[in-house]
Structures are given as structure tokens and as C-alpha cells.
């Protein structure tokens, strides 16, 4: 299933840290696997810390990822934490949001906790 990652089941959210390089092939595994784990565990809020991964996706890959995200993550709120938010990341966010997904991109863990309305200590 998912490799090179860590999943922590917190009190009120699922915390996923991704370490591997993200490319067109690997992103599909995460887009399907993360919401599956969240739903099976009864979570509706997910924090994905992707600060330690290298992202190698084109604008078109981000477009497709945004569409797939909206399909697989229906009913879930997701905060992504990056070292920096590049234009193509924001483009993928817009694509997903325009299709009904509830997600935001952050560069701060604190801001992502606040947006998800979760306690980081749990």
C-alpha cells in the first residue's frame, strides 16, 4: 500500500508524514490510500506533512491530482504542510477546491492545526 511514510492516529485527526519523493506514479497511491485509512479509522480531518518530500510533478500532474483529490477525499478536511507553497501546488489546490474538496495548503504546522480545529498535543 503506502510506503515511506508515517501515520499517527491522533485523538481527533489523522497525521500523515510523507518522506518519499512525490511523482506522478506515487501520488496516486497516496491519493487513494490516505482517505481509505482515515475512513476506516473514523477520521474526518487529516494533516499531511509533506515538508520532507521532494515533489516532481508538472502543472498537468497537479491538475490531475486535484481532480483525483476531490474524488477520493469527499467529506474529509485536509491540511497540507509544505516548506513553501509553489504556484503549481496552489493550482492543484484550486482544481480540487473547485470540485468540492475541503483542503488548504500551509507552511506552518500551527496554522494547519488551527484551520483543522484540532489540538496538536493529542
N, C-alpha and C. Protein backbone atom coordinates (compact mmCIF):
# COMPACT_ATOMS: atom_id res chain seq x y z
N UNK A 1 0.84 -1.19 0.00
CA UNK A 1 0.00 0.00 0.00
C UNK A 1 0.88 1.25 0.00
N UNK A 2 0.94 1.99 1.11
CA UNK A 2 1.71 3.22 1.17
C UNK A 2 3.07 2.93 1.80
N UNK A 3 4.14 3.44 1.19
CA UNK A 3 5.48 3.24 1.71
C UNK A 3 6.13 4.58 2.00
N UNK A 4 7.20 4.55 2.82
CA UNK A 4 7.97 5.76 3.10
C UNK A 4 7.12 6.88 3.68
N UNK A 5 6.38 6.54 4.69
CA UNK A 5 5.50 7.50 5.33
C UNK A 5 5.31 7.08 6.80
N UNK A 6 4.66 7.93 7.53
CA UNK A 6 4.29 7.62 8.91
C UNK A 6 2.87 8.11 9.12
N UNK A 7 2.05 7.27 9.72
CA UNK A 7 0.67 7.65 10.03
C UNK A 7 0.49 7.57 11.53
N UNK A 8 0.05 8.67 12.11
CA UNK A 8 -0.24 8.72 13.54
C UNK A 8 -1.73 9.00 13.73
N UNK A 9 -2.37 8.15 14.47
CA UNK A 9 -3.78 8.32 14.77
C UNK A 9 -3.89 9.15 16.04
N UNK A 10 -4.21 10.40 15.87
CA UNK A 10 -4.36 11.32 16.99
C UNK A 10 -5.80 11.24 17.49
N UNK A 11 -6.08 11.99 18.55
CA UNK A 11 -7.42 11.95 19.15
C UNK A 11 -8.50 12.37 18.15
N UNK A 12 -8.27 13.46 17.44
CA UNK A 12 -9.32 14.00 16.58
C UNK A 12 -8.90 14.23 15.13
N UNK A 13 -7.75 13.68 14.74
CA UNK A 13 -7.32 13.79 13.34
C UNK A 13 -6.26 12.75 13.02
N UNK A 14 -6.07 12.51 11.73
CA UNK A 14 -5.04 11.61 11.25
C UNK A 14 -3.86 12.46 10.80
N UNK A 15 -2.67 12.16 11.33
CA UNK A 15 -1.46 12.91 10.98
C UNK A 15 -0.59 12.02 10.10
N UNK A 16 -0.38 12.44 8.86
CA UNK A 16 0.41 11.68 7.89
C UNK A 16 1.65 12.48 7.55
N UNK A 17 2.81 11.85 7.67
CA UNK A 17 4.07 12.47 7.25
C UNK A 17 4.61 11.65 6.08
N UNK A 18 4.89 12.33 4.98
CA UNK A 18 5.41 11.67 3.78
C UNK A 18 6.88 12.03 3.62
N UNK A 19 7.71 11.00 3.46
CA UNK A 19 9.15 11.18 3.33
C UNK A 19 9.66 10.98 1.91
N UNK A 20 8.96 10.22 1.10
CA UNK A 20 9.48 9.85 -0.22
C UNK A 20 9.28 10.96 -1.24
N UNK A 21 9.97 10.82 -2.34
CA UNK A 21 9.77 11.75 -3.46
C UNK A 21 8.39 11.51 -4.06
N UNK A 22 7.72 12.59 -4.38
CA UNK A 22 6.39 12.51 -4.96
C UNK A 22 6.49 12.72 -6.47
N UNK A 23 6.00 11.74 -7.21
CA UNK A 23 5.96 11.86 -8.67
C UNK A 23 4.58 11.40 -9.13
N UNK A 24 4.38 11.38 -10.42
CA UNK A 24 3.08 11.05 -10.98
C UNK A 24 2.59 9.68 -10.51
N UNK A 25 3.48 8.73 -10.40
CA UNK A 25 3.09 7.38 -10.00
C UNK A 25 2.79 7.29 -8.50
N UNK A 26 3.66 7.85 -7.68
CA UNK A 26 3.49 7.70 -6.23
C UNK A 26 2.32 8.51 -5.69
N UNK A 27 1.99 9.63 -6.32
CA UNK A 27 0.91 10.46 -5.78
C UNK A 27 -0.42 9.71 -5.82
N UNK A 28 -0.62 8.89 -6.84
CA UNK A 28 -1.86 8.12 -6.93
C UNK A 28 -2.04 7.17 -5.76
N UNK A 29 -0.95 6.58 -5.30
CA UNK A 29 -1.01 5.67 -4.15
C UNK A 29 -1.48 6.43 -2.91
N UNK A 30 -0.93 7.61 -2.69
CA UNK A 30 -1.32 8.41 -1.54
C UNK A 30 -2.75 8.92 -1.65
N UNK A 31 -3.15 9.34 -2.85
CA UNK A 31 -4.49 9.89 -3.04
C UNK A 31 -5.57 8.84 -2.76
N UNK A 32 -5.24 7.58 -2.95
CA UNK A 32 -6.19 6.51 -2.66
C UNK A 32 -6.02 5.97 -1.24
N UNK A 33 -4.79 5.84 -0.81
CA UNK A 33 -4.51 5.20 0.48
C UNK A 33 -4.84 6.03 1.71
N UNK A 34 -4.53 7.32 1.68
CA UNK A 34 -4.75 8.16 2.86
C UNK A 34 -6.24 8.26 3.22
N UNK A 35 -7.13 8.58 2.29
CA UNK A 35 -8.54 8.66 2.68
C UNK A 35 -9.11 7.31 3.12
N UNK A 36 -8.58 6.24 2.55
CA UNK A 36 -9.02 4.90 2.95
C UNK A 36 -8.70 4.66 4.42
N UNK A 37 -7.48 4.97 4.83
CA UNK A 37 -7.08 4.80 6.23
C UNK A 37 -7.92 5.70 7.13
N UNK A 38 -8.13 6.94 6.72
CA UNK A 38 -8.92 7.88 7.53
C UNK A 38 -10.33 7.36 7.74
N UNK A 39 -10.97 6.95 6.69
CA UNK A 39 -12.36 6.47 6.80
C UNK A 39 -12.45 5.19 7.64
N UNK A 40 -11.53 4.27 7.41
CA UNK A 40 -11.53 3.02 8.19
C UNK A 40 -11.32 3.28 9.67
N UNK A 41 -10.60 4.36 9.99
CA UNK A 41 -10.30 4.70 11.39
C UNK A 41 -11.29 5.71 11.97
N UNK A 42 -12.23 6.17 11.18
CA UNK A 42 -13.26 7.08 11.67
C UNK A 42 -12.86 8.54 11.74
N UNK A 43 -11.86 8.95 10.96
CA UNK A 43 -11.41 10.34 10.96
C UNK A 43 -12.02 11.12 9.80
N UNK A 44 -12.33 12.40 10.07
CA UNK A 44 -12.79 13.29 9.00
C UNK A 44 -11.79 14.41 8.75
N UNK A 45 -10.75 14.51 9.61
CA UNK A 45 -9.74 15.55 9.47
C UNK A 45 -8.37 14.89 9.31
N UNK A 46 -7.60 15.42 8.34
CA UNK A 46 -6.28 14.86 8.03
C UNK A 46 -5.27 15.98 7.90
N UNK A 47 -4.13 15.80 8.51
CA UNK A 47 -3.00 16.71 8.31
C UNK A 47 -1.92 15.92 7.58
N UNK A 48 -1.49 16.42 6.43
CA UNK A 48 -0.45 15.76 5.64
C UNK A 48 0.79 16.65 5.65
N UNK A 49 1.82 16.19 6.34
CA UNK A 49 3.09 16.92 6.42
C UNK A 49 3.99 16.39 5.31
N UNK A 50 4.22 17.24 4.32
CA UNK A 50 4.96 16.83 3.14
C UNK A 50 6.27 17.61 3.03
N UNK A 51 6.70 18.21 4.14
CA UNK A 51 7.89 19.06 4.13
C UNK A 51 9.18 18.30 3.85
N UNK A 52 9.21 16.99 4.10
CA UNK A 52 10.43 16.23 3.91
C UNK A 52 10.48 15.51 2.55
N UNK A 53 9.47 15.70 1.74
CA UNK A 53 9.42 15.04 0.43
C UNK A 53 9.81 16.02 -0.67
N UNK A 54 10.39 15.50 -1.72
CA UNK A 54 10.63 16.28 -2.93
C UNK A 54 9.48 16.02 -3.89
N UNK A 55 8.96 17.07 -4.49
CA UNK A 55 7.80 16.93 -5.36
C UNK A 55 8.22 17.19 -6.80
N UNK A 56 8.00 16.18 -7.63
CA UNK A 56 8.37 16.26 -9.04
C UNK A 56 7.13 16.03 -9.89
N UNK A 57 6.27 17.07 -9.95
CA UNK A 57 5.02 16.98 -10.69
C UNK A 57 4.89 18.19 -11.61
N UNK A 58 4.39 17.96 -12.80
CA UNK A 58 4.16 19.05 -13.74
C UNK A 58 2.83 19.74 -13.39
N UNK A 59 2.56 20.86 -14.06
CA UNK A 59 1.26 21.51 -13.86
C UNK A 59 0.13 20.56 -14.21
N UNK A 60 0.28 19.80 -15.28
CA UNK A 60 -0.77 18.85 -15.67
C UNK A 60 -0.94 17.76 -14.62
N UNK A 61 0.17 17.31 -14.03
CA UNK A 61 0.10 16.32 -12.94
C UNK A 61 -0.68 16.91 -11.76
N UNK A 62 -0.43 18.18 -11.46
CA UNK A 62 -1.15 18.84 -10.35
C UNK A 62 -2.63 18.97 -10.67
N UNK A 63 -2.94 19.24 -11.93
CA UNK A 63 -4.35 19.30 -12.35
C UNK A 63 -5.03 17.96 -12.10
N UNK A 64 -4.40 16.90 -12.57
CA UNK A 64 -4.96 15.55 -12.39
C UNK A 64 -5.05 15.18 -10.92
N UNK A 65 -4.02 15.53 -10.15
CA UNK A 65 -4.04 15.24 -8.71
C UNK A 65 -5.18 15.99 -8.03
N UNK A 66 -5.44 17.23 -8.44
CA UNK A 66 -6.55 18.00 -7.88
C UNK A 66 -7.88 17.34 -8.17
N UNK A 67 -8.06 16.87 -9.39
CA UNK A 67 -9.30 16.17 -9.74
C UNK A 67 -9.45 14.88 -8.93
N UNK A 68 -8.37 14.10 -8.85
CA UNK A 68 -8.41 12.85 -8.09
C UNK A 68 -8.63 13.11 -6.60
N UNK A 69 -7.98 14.16 -6.09
CA UNK A 69 -8.15 14.51 -4.68
C UNK A 69 -9.62 14.76 -4.37
N UNK A 70 -10.27 15.56 -5.20
CA UNK A 70 -11.68 15.89 -4.97
C UNK A 70 -12.55 14.63 -4.97
N UNK A 71 -12.21 13.67 -5.80
CA UNK A 71 -12.99 12.43 -5.87
C UNK A 71 -12.75 11.55 -4.64
N UNK A 72 -11.50 11.33 -4.26
CA UNK A 72 -11.19 10.39 -3.18
C UNK A 72 -11.38 10.96 -1.78
N UNK A 73 -11.23 12.27 -1.62
CA UNK A 73 -11.28 12.87 -0.29
C UNK A 73 -12.62 13.51 0.04
N UNK A 74 -13.69 13.13 -0.67
CA UNK A 74 -15.00 13.70 -0.39
C UNK A 74 -15.37 13.50 1.07
N UNK A 75 -15.86 14.57 1.70
CA UNK A 75 -16.29 14.50 3.09
C UNK A 75 -15.17 14.62 4.10
N UNK A 76 -13.94 14.83 3.65
CA UNK A 76 -12.79 14.95 4.53
C UNK A 76 -12.21 16.35 4.44
N UNK A 77 -11.70 16.86 5.55
CA UNK A 77 -10.98 18.14 5.57
C UNK A 77 -9.50 17.83 5.68
N UNK A 78 -8.70 18.43 4.79
CA UNK A 78 -7.28 18.08 4.72
C UNK A 78 -6.42 19.34 4.69
N UNK A 79 -5.43 19.37 5.57
CA UNK A 79 -4.43 20.44 5.59
C UNK A 79 -3.10 19.83 5.13
N UNK A 80 -2.49 20.44 4.13
CA UNK A 80 -1.17 20.04 3.65
C UNK A 80 -0.15 21.04 4.15
N UNK A 81 0.98 20.57 4.66
CA UNK A 81 2.03 21.45 5.14
C UNK A 81 3.27 21.24 4.28
N UNK A 82 3.70 22.33 3.62
CA UNK A 82 4.87 22.34 2.74
C UNK A 82 5.93 23.26 3.33
N UNK A 83 7.16 23.14 2.85
CA UNK A 83 8.20 24.11 3.20
C UNK A 83 7.90 25.46 2.56
N UNK A 84 7.43 25.41 1.33
CA UNK A 84 6.99 26.61 0.62
C UNK A 84 5.87 26.20 -0.32
N UNK A 85 4.98 27.13 -0.57
CA UNK A 85 3.85 26.84 -1.46
C UNK A 85 4.16 27.43 -2.83
N UNK A 86 4.41 26.55 -3.77
CA UNK A 86 4.73 26.98 -5.13
C UNK A 86 3.43 27.14 -5.93
N UNK A 87 3.52 27.85 -7.05
CA UNK A 87 2.34 28.12 -7.87
C UNK A 87 1.62 26.85 -8.30
N UNK A 88 2.39 25.82 -8.68
CA UNK A 88 1.73 24.60 -9.14
C UNK A 88 1.02 23.86 -8.01
N UNK A 89 1.49 24.00 -6.75
CA UNK A 89 0.79 23.42 -5.61
C UNK A 89 -0.55 24.13 -5.43
N UNK A 90 -0.52 25.46 -5.49
CA UNK A 90 -1.74 26.25 -5.35
C UNK A 90 -2.72 25.95 -6.49
N UNK A 91 -2.19 25.70 -7.67
CA UNK A 91 -3.03 25.34 -8.81
C UNK A 91 -3.79 24.05 -8.51
N UNK A 92 -3.10 23.04 -8.00
CA UNK A 92 -3.75 21.78 -7.63
C UNK A 92 -4.80 21.98 -6.56
N UNK A 93 -4.51 22.85 -5.61
CA UNK A 93 -5.48 23.17 -4.55
C UNK A 93 -6.74 23.79 -5.16
N UNK A 94 -6.56 24.71 -6.09
CA UNK A 94 -7.69 25.37 -6.73
C UNK A 94 -8.54 24.37 -7.51
N UNK A 95 -7.88 23.49 -8.26
CA UNK A 95 -8.60 22.47 -9.03
C UNK A 95 -9.46 21.63 -8.08
N UNK A 96 -8.86 21.16 -6.99
CA UNK A 96 -9.60 20.32 -6.03
C UNK A 96 -10.73 21.10 -5.37
N UNK A 97 -10.45 22.33 -4.96
CA UNK A 97 -11.47 23.16 -4.30
C UNK A 97 -12.64 23.43 -5.23
N UNK A 98 -12.35 23.70 -6.48
CA UNK A 98 -13.41 23.96 -7.46
C UNK A 98 -14.30 22.74 -7.70
N UNK A 99 -13.83 21.59 -7.30
CA UNK A 99 -14.60 20.36 -7.45
C UNK A 99 -15.17 19.89 -6.11
N UNK A 100 -15.18 20.79 -5.12
CA UNK A 100 -15.84 20.50 -3.85
C UNK A 100 -14.96 19.99 -2.73
N UNK A 101 -13.67 19.84 -2.95
CA UNK A 101 -12.78 19.35 -1.89
C UNK A 101 -12.57 20.43 -0.83
N UNK A 102 -12.37 19.97 0.40
CA UNK A 102 -12.09 20.87 1.51
C UNK A 102 -10.63 20.67 1.89
N UNK A 103 -9.78 21.58 1.43
CA UNK A 103 -8.35 21.48 1.71
C UNK A 103 -7.72 22.85 1.73
N UNK A 104 -6.59 22.94 2.41
CA UNK A 104 -5.81 24.17 2.43
C UNK A 104 -4.34 23.79 2.48
N UNK A 105 -3.51 24.67 1.93
CA UNK A 105 -2.06 24.50 1.95
C UNK A 105 -1.47 25.46 2.95
N UNK A 106 -0.48 24.99 3.71
CA UNK A 106 0.16 25.80 4.74
C UNK A 106 1.67 25.61 4.71
N UNK A 107 2.37 26.55 5.32
CA UNK A 107 3.80 26.38 5.57
C UNK A 107 4.06 26.30 7.07
N UNK A 108 3.02 26.31 7.86
CA UNK A 108 3.13 26.29 9.31
C UNK A 108 2.23 25.20 9.89
N UNK A 109 2.81 24.35 10.73
CA UNK A 109 2.00 23.33 11.40
C UNK A 109 0.94 23.99 12.28
N UNK A 110 1.32 25.02 13.00
CA UNK A 110 0.37 25.71 13.90
C UNK A 110 -0.85 26.20 13.13
N UNK A 111 -0.64 26.84 11.99
CA UNK A 111 -1.76 27.33 11.19
C UNK A 111 -2.63 26.17 10.68
N UNK A 112 -2.00 25.05 10.35
CA UNK A 112 -2.78 23.91 9.87
C UNK A 112 -3.63 23.32 11.00
N UNK A 113 -3.07 23.25 12.22
CA UNK A 113 -3.87 22.78 13.37
C UNK A 113 -5.05 23.72 13.61
N UNK A 114 -4.79 25.01 13.56
CA UNK A 114 -5.86 26.00 13.78
C UNK A 114 -6.96 25.84 12.74
N UNK A 115 -6.58 25.70 11.48
CA UNK A 115 -7.57 25.58 10.41
C UNK A 115 -8.39 24.31 10.57
N UNK A 116 -7.74 23.20 10.93
CA UNK A 116 -8.45 21.94 11.13
C UNK A 116 -9.25 21.94 12.44
N UNK A 117 -8.95 22.90 13.31
CA UNK A 117 -9.56 22.98 14.64
C UNK A 117 -9.29 21.73 15.45
N UNK A 118 -7.99 21.37 15.52
CA UNK A 118 -7.55 20.21 16.28
C UNK A 118 -6.48 20.64 17.27
N UNK A 119 -6.29 19.83 18.28
CA UNK A 119 -5.27 20.08 19.29
C UNK A 119 -4.02 19.33 18.90
N UNK A 120 -2.93 20.03 18.68
CA UNK A 120 -1.69 19.40 18.23
C UNK A 120 -1.12 18.44 19.25
N UNK A 121 -1.49 18.56 20.52
CA UNK A 121 -0.94 17.69 21.56
C UNK A 121 -1.58 16.31 21.58
N UNK A 122 -2.74 16.15 20.96
CA UNK A 122 -3.46 14.87 21.01
C UNK A 122 -2.78 13.82 20.18
